Protein backbone atom coordinates (compact mmCIF):
# COMPACT_ATOMS: atom_id res chain seq x y z
CA MET A 1 -121.40 119.38 -77.65
CA ASN A 2 -117.76 119.95 -77.50
CA SER A 3 -115.59 116.50 -77.38
CA PRO A 4 -112.98 115.28 -74.47
CA SER A 5 -110.54 116.03 -75.71
CA SER A 6 -111.57 119.67 -76.87
CA MET A 7 -112.75 120.44 -73.73
CA LYS A 8 -109.19 119.07 -72.20
CA THR A 9 -107.30 121.51 -74.63
CA VAL A 10 -109.54 124.53 -73.21
CA SER A 11 -109.12 123.35 -69.68
CA ILE A 12 -105.25 123.56 -70.36
CA LEU A 13 -105.14 126.92 -72.32
CA ARG A 14 -107.35 128.84 -69.55
CA ASP A 15 -104.70 127.83 -66.91
CA HIS A 16 -102.16 130.07 -67.85
CA THR A 17 -104.39 133.07 -68.02
CA LYS A 18 -106.13 132.31 -64.71
CA LEU A 19 -102.65 132.24 -62.84
CA VAL A 20 -101.15 135.36 -64.56
CA LEU A 21 -104.54 137.36 -63.01
CA GLU A 22 -104.11 135.35 -59.34
CA LEU A 23 -100.47 136.78 -59.48
CA CYS A 24 -101.72 140.02 -60.33
CA HIS A 25 -103.71 140.26 -57.33
CA PHE A 26 -100.62 138.90 -55.48
CA THR A 27 -98.99 141.92 -56.52
CA GLU A 28 -101.89 143.90 -54.64
CA ASP A 29 -101.42 142.23 -51.42
CA LEU A 30 -97.85 142.90 -51.71
CA ASN A 31 -98.54 146.59 -52.27
CA PRO A 32 -102.10 148.28 -52.56
CA LEU A 33 -101.00 150.67 -54.44
CA TRP A 34 -100.35 148.04 -57.31
CA GLU A 35 -104.02 147.64 -57.76
CA ALA A 36 -104.90 144.07 -59.92
CA ARG A 37 -107.33 146.02 -62.24
CA THR A 38 -104.44 148.51 -62.84
CA THR A 39 -101.98 145.91 -63.43
CA ILE A 40 -104.51 143.80 -65.73
CA GLU A 41 -105.53 146.73 -67.60
CA SER A 42 -101.56 146.87 -68.42
CA LEU A 43 -101.52 143.76 -69.26
CA GLN A 44 -104.30 144.03 -72.04
CA SER A 45 -102.61 147.22 -73.31
CA LEU A 46 -99.56 144.99 -74.15
CA SER A 47 -101.21 142.27 -75.20
CA SER A 48 -104.13 143.60 -77.20
CA PRO A 49 -102.31 144.83 -80.33
CA ILE A 50 -100.51 141.71 -80.77
CA ILE A 51 -103.39 139.21 -80.55
CA ALA A 52 -105.32 141.84 -82.84
CA ALA A 53 -102.74 141.52 -85.30
CA GLY A 54 -102.49 137.66 -85.26
CA ALA A 55 -106.56 137.43 -85.86
CA PRO A 56 -106.76 137.43 -89.22
CA LEU A 57 -103.73 134.90 -89.50
CA GLU A 58 -105.05 131.08 -90.27
CA ASN A 59 -101.60 129.66 -90.48
CA GLN A 60 -99.73 128.72 -87.18
CA LYS A 61 -96.49 129.33 -87.71
CA ASP A 62 -97.42 132.90 -88.89
CA LYS A 63 -99.31 133.89 -85.82
CA PHE A 64 -96.54 132.26 -83.40
CA GLU A 65 -93.70 134.24 -85.60
CA LEU A 66 -95.84 137.21 -85.17
CA LEU A 67 -96.21 136.71 -81.58
CA ASN A 68 -92.62 136.52 -81.01
CA GLN A 69 -92.06 139.33 -82.92
CA GLY A 70 -94.30 141.21 -80.91
CA PHE A 71 -93.23 139.85 -77.38
CA PHE A 72 -89.46 139.66 -77.88
CA LYS A 73 -88.84 142.40 -80.80
CA HIS A 74 -91.51 145.17 -80.16
CA LEU A 75 -92.29 144.79 -76.53
CA GLY A 76 -88.91 144.08 -76.09
CA PHE A 77 -89.42 141.69 -72.90
CA LYS A 78 -85.94 140.05 -71.66
CA GLY A 79 -85.92 137.21 -69.23
CA VAL A 80 -83.40 137.18 -66.18
CA SER A 81 -82.63 133.55 -64.78
CA ALA A 82 -81.16 134.59 -61.77
CA PRO A 83 -82.58 138.16 -60.67
CA LYS A 84 -80.30 140.09 -57.84
CA ALA A 85 -82.89 141.93 -56.25
CA LEU A 86 -86.25 141.77 -55.15
CA LYS A 87 -87.65 144.81 -56.66
CA THR A 88 -86.85 143.56 -59.98
CA CYS A 89 -89.34 140.73 -60.03
CA PHE A 90 -92.83 142.58 -59.05
CA LEU A 91 -95.10 142.48 -62.18
CA PRO A 92 -95.73 145.86 -62.36
CA GLN A 93 -91.96 146.66 -62.13
CA VAL A 94 -91.50 143.76 -64.96
CA LEU A 95 -94.10 145.34 -67.25
CA LYS A 96 -92.48 148.78 -66.85
CA ASP A 97 -88.96 147.74 -67.49
CA ARG A 98 -90.20 145.14 -69.58
CA GLN A 99 -87.08 142.80 -67.96
CA GLY A 100 -87.77 140.27 -65.26
CA PRO A 101 -87.69 136.61 -64.01
CA LEU A 102 -87.64 134.30 -66.81
CA PRO A 103 -90.49 131.71 -65.14
CA LEU A 104 -92.91 135.17 -64.84
CA LEU A 105 -92.20 136.04 -68.50
CA MET A 106 -92.65 132.68 -69.68
CA LEU A 107 -96.08 132.52 -68.16
CA LEU A 108 -96.74 135.62 -69.25
CA TYR A 109 -95.94 134.45 -73.16
CA CYS A 110 -98.17 131.42 -72.41
CA SER A 111 -101.01 133.61 -71.41
CA LEU A 112 -100.38 135.64 -74.51
CA ALA A 113 -100.27 132.46 -77.02
CA GLU A 114 -103.34 131.02 -75.70
CA GLU A 115 -105.19 134.35 -76.09
CA ALA A 116 -103.84 133.91 -79.52
CA GLY A 117 -104.63 130.62 -79.97
CA ILE A 118 -101.47 129.23 -79.98
CA ARG A 119 -101.04 125.85 -77.49
CA THR A 120 -98.18 125.70 -75.53
CA GLN A 121 -97.07 123.45 -73.04
CA ILE A 122 -94.38 123.56 -70.25
CA SER A 123 -91.34 121.21 -70.68
CA SER A 124 -88.79 122.34 -68.69
CA CYS A 125 -88.37 125.32 -65.92
CA ARG A 126 -85.16 124.78 -64.41
CA ARG A 127 -82.37 123.72 -66.05
CA ARG A 128 -83.71 125.34 -69.15
CA PHE A 129 -86.66 127.08 -70.13
CA LEU A 130 -88.44 124.70 -72.62
CA LEU A 131 -91.73 124.95 -74.53
CA LYS A 132 -93.68 122.21 -76.66
CA VAL A 133 -95.86 124.21 -79.09
CA GLN A 134 -98.46 122.86 -81.25
CA LEU A 135 -98.23 124.61 -85.02
CA ASP A 136 -100.56 122.92 -87.66
CA GLY A 137 -100.58 119.94 -85.98
CA LYS A 138 -96.86 119.27 -85.35
CA THR A 139 -95.31 119.22 -82.04
CA HIS A 140 -91.92 122.00 -81.76
CA ILE A 141 -89.76 122.26 -78.74
CA MET A 142 -88.85 126.13 -78.14
CA ASP A 143 -85.78 127.44 -75.98
CA PHE A 144 -87.84 130.26 -74.03
CA SER A 145 -84.76 131.68 -73.03
CA GLN A 146 -83.44 132.35 -76.64
CA LYS A 147 -86.42 133.93 -77.78
CA CYS A 148 -88.55 130.58 -78.39
CA LYS A 149 -86.08 129.61 -80.93
CA ALA A 150 -87.29 126.18 -82.10
CA LEU A 151 -84.41 123.11 -81.35
CA ASP A 152 -83.18 121.06 -84.33
CA PRO A 153 -83.15 117.57 -84.19
CA HIS A 154 -79.73 117.36 -83.15
CA GLU A 155 -80.35 119.80 -80.01
CA ILE A 156 -83.41 117.75 -78.77
CA VAL A 157 -81.16 114.46 -79.01
CA GLU A 158 -78.10 116.22 -77.06
CA LEU A 159 -80.70 117.43 -74.22
CA ILE A 160 -82.17 113.60 -74.00
CA ASN A 161 -78.59 112.10 -73.75
CA ARG A 162 -78.33 114.64 -70.80
CA GLY A 163 -81.64 113.73 -68.99
CA PHE A 164 -84.33 115.98 -70.21
CA ASP A 165 -87.73 113.79 -71.20
CA PHE A 166 -89.59 114.99 -74.19
CA SER A 167 -91.81 112.04 -74.27
CA SER A 168 -93.66 112.46 -71.04
CA GLY A 169 -96.45 114.65 -70.07
CA SER A 170 -96.01 118.69 -69.93
CA LEU A 171 -95.71 120.11 -66.29
CA ASN A 172 -98.71 121.46 -64.88
CA PRO A 173 -98.39 125.82 -65.48
CA GLU A 174 -98.67 126.11 -62.05
CA THR A 175 -95.08 124.72 -61.81
CA LEU A 176 -94.04 127.91 -63.58
CA ALA A 177 -95.86 130.24 -60.34
CA VAL A 178 -94.20 128.02 -57.77
CA GLU A 179 -90.95 128.43 -59.82
CA TYR A 180 -91.09 132.17 -59.62
CA LEU A 181 -92.62 132.72 -56.36
CA ASN A 182 -89.41 130.26 -54.81
CA GLN A 183 -87.28 133.18 -56.67
CA MET A 184 -89.08 135.73 -54.78
CA LYS A 185 -88.41 133.65 -51.67
CA ARG A 186 -84.72 133.37 -51.55
CA LEU A 187 -84.98 137.35 -52.24
CA ALA A 188 -86.73 138.39 -49.75
CA ARG A 189 -84.78 136.19 -47.11
CA ASN A 190 -81.56 137.60 -48.49
CA GLU A 191 -83.11 140.92 -48.47
CA ASN A 192 -84.89 140.48 -44.97
CA ARG A 193 -88.13 141.34 -46.18
CA LEU A 194 -90.01 139.66 -43.63
CA GLN A 195 -93.53 140.88 -44.40
CA ILE A 196 -93.12 140.12 -48.11
CA LEU A 197 -91.62 136.34 -47.22
CA SER A 198 -94.59 135.41 -45.39
CA LEU A 199 -96.75 136.41 -48.14
CA VAL A 200 -94.86 134.56 -50.84
CA HIS A 201 -94.74 131.37 -48.20
CA SER A 202 -98.82 131.64 -48.11
CA TYR A 203 -99.04 131.73 -51.79
CA LEU A 204 -96.40 129.11 -52.36
CA MET A 205 -99.10 126.82 -50.39
CA ARG A 206 -101.84 127.59 -52.15
CA TYR A 207 -100.17 125.78 -55.06
CA GLN A 208 -98.70 122.77 -53.08
CA PRO A 209 -100.41 122.66 -49.95
CA PHE A 210 -99.09 119.52 -48.92
CA ASN A 211 -95.56 120.83 -48.90
CA LEU A 212 -94.20 120.88 -45.53
CA ARG A 213 -91.41 123.13 -46.12
CA HIS A 214 -93.75 125.95 -47.01
CA VAL A 215 -95.18 125.21 -43.77
CA SER A 216 -92.45 125.29 -41.62
CA GLU A 217 -90.93 128.22 -43.50
CA ARG A 218 -93.57 130.41 -43.14
CA ALA A 219 -93.98 129.22 -39.53
CA ARG A 220 -90.28 130.25 -38.68
CA VAL A 221 -90.98 133.96 -40.59
CA ALA A 222 -94.28 134.01 -38.29
CA TYR A 223 -92.51 133.86 -35.28
CA GLU A 224 -89.55 136.48 -36.45
CA THR A 225 -92.14 138.73 -36.88
CA GLY A 226 -94.04 138.10 -33.85
CA ASP A 227 -97.03 136.65 -35.18
CA TYR A 228 -96.69 133.76 -32.62
CA ARG A 229 -100.49 132.49 -32.92
CA THR A 230 -99.89 131.60 -36.56
CA ALA A 231 -95.89 129.99 -35.72
CA ILE A 232 -97.94 127.81 -33.25
CA ASP A 233 -100.62 126.73 -35.88
CA ASP A 234 -97.92 126.31 -38.68
CA ILE A 235 -95.89 124.36 -36.00
CA ARG A 236 -98.62 121.89 -34.94
CA SER A 237 -99.69 121.11 -38.83
CA TYR A 238 -96.19 120.27 -39.49
CA PHE A 239 -95.89 117.69 -36.93
CA LEU A 240 -99.56 116.06 -37.69
CA TYR A 241 -97.37 114.98 -40.73
CA LYS A 242 -94.00 114.86 -39.98
CA GLN A 243 -92.30 112.87 -36.96
CA PRO A 244 -89.86 115.22 -34.98
CA GLU A 245 -86.35 114.58 -36.16
CA PHE A 246 -82.77 116.09 -35.97
CA ASN A 247 -83.50 118.32 -39.18
CA ASN A 248 -86.44 119.87 -38.00
CA ILE A 249 -85.81 119.85 -34.01
CA ASP A 250 -85.30 123.41 -34.14
CA LEU A 251 -89.11 123.85 -35.07
CA LYS A 252 -89.75 122.34 -31.82
CA ARG A 253 -88.01 124.73 -29.60
CA ILE A 254 -89.43 127.66 -31.80
CA TYR A 255 -93.20 126.39 -30.85
CA LYS A 256 -92.38 126.51 -27.14
CA LYS A 257 -90.87 130.02 -27.30
CA ALA A 258 -94.02 131.11 -29.08
CA LEU A 259 -96.27 129.49 -26.37
CA GLN A 260 -94.32 130.96 -23.71
CA ARG A 261 -94.45 134.45 -25.70
CA VAL A 262 -98.45 133.82 -26.04
CA ARG A 263 -98.84 132.98 -22.40
CA ASN A 264 -97.03 136.32 -21.27
CA LEU A 265 -99.14 138.44 -23.96
CA GLU A 266 -102.40 136.74 -22.32
CA SER A 267 -101.30 137.04 -18.41
């Protein structure tokens, strides 16, 4: 029987791959031509040679070095901290171009690492994209944006002095998905892609169901696209948990307008 600690490890390792599979289906929701099955097959074709090459290796450091060489050098993946266009963020396009948002690439990397038997944990994914990697019983801090270069003690101390906390627990893997979706949300709003924006909000609410900001923003998008009933439902949900204040009074105005539009449609 597995010990509690080993069961916890298995649970952590499965999280990254699960999230990647969810994002494959998210891509299909964005565009039915991007079938989740096809995207998953593309991921497998990219990852299988790396996993197969590392399988005979017993030393974790050798496995990790092979993973880095495969992901960054042979496959040529390159992260972009602030994408300029929404189209560069879609998973099928990222797999084709081998370039995309850092949170998404970091999630792909962690999924590939767990398939190779390497345990990774997210330490930071905003100001710096940092991973904790367990290699032969020792924890190393890696800078993902620098092709997973290991930080030396001096660099770690400097980051601690700047406010980074490496002693606390690691971030939930879903943090990467949320950071990635937030980048897509900003680009979709800038490009006025309202249908995509609405879908992104719905996916964000899967990972942060009690974040009222997602609820209020989805309500605004629903109203803009003429989905008045969704706007009404979201605004009602929002005000169940949030009192009317100066910074949300606009929602009450939208709510009244949406109610009137529904009445007009029904009359």
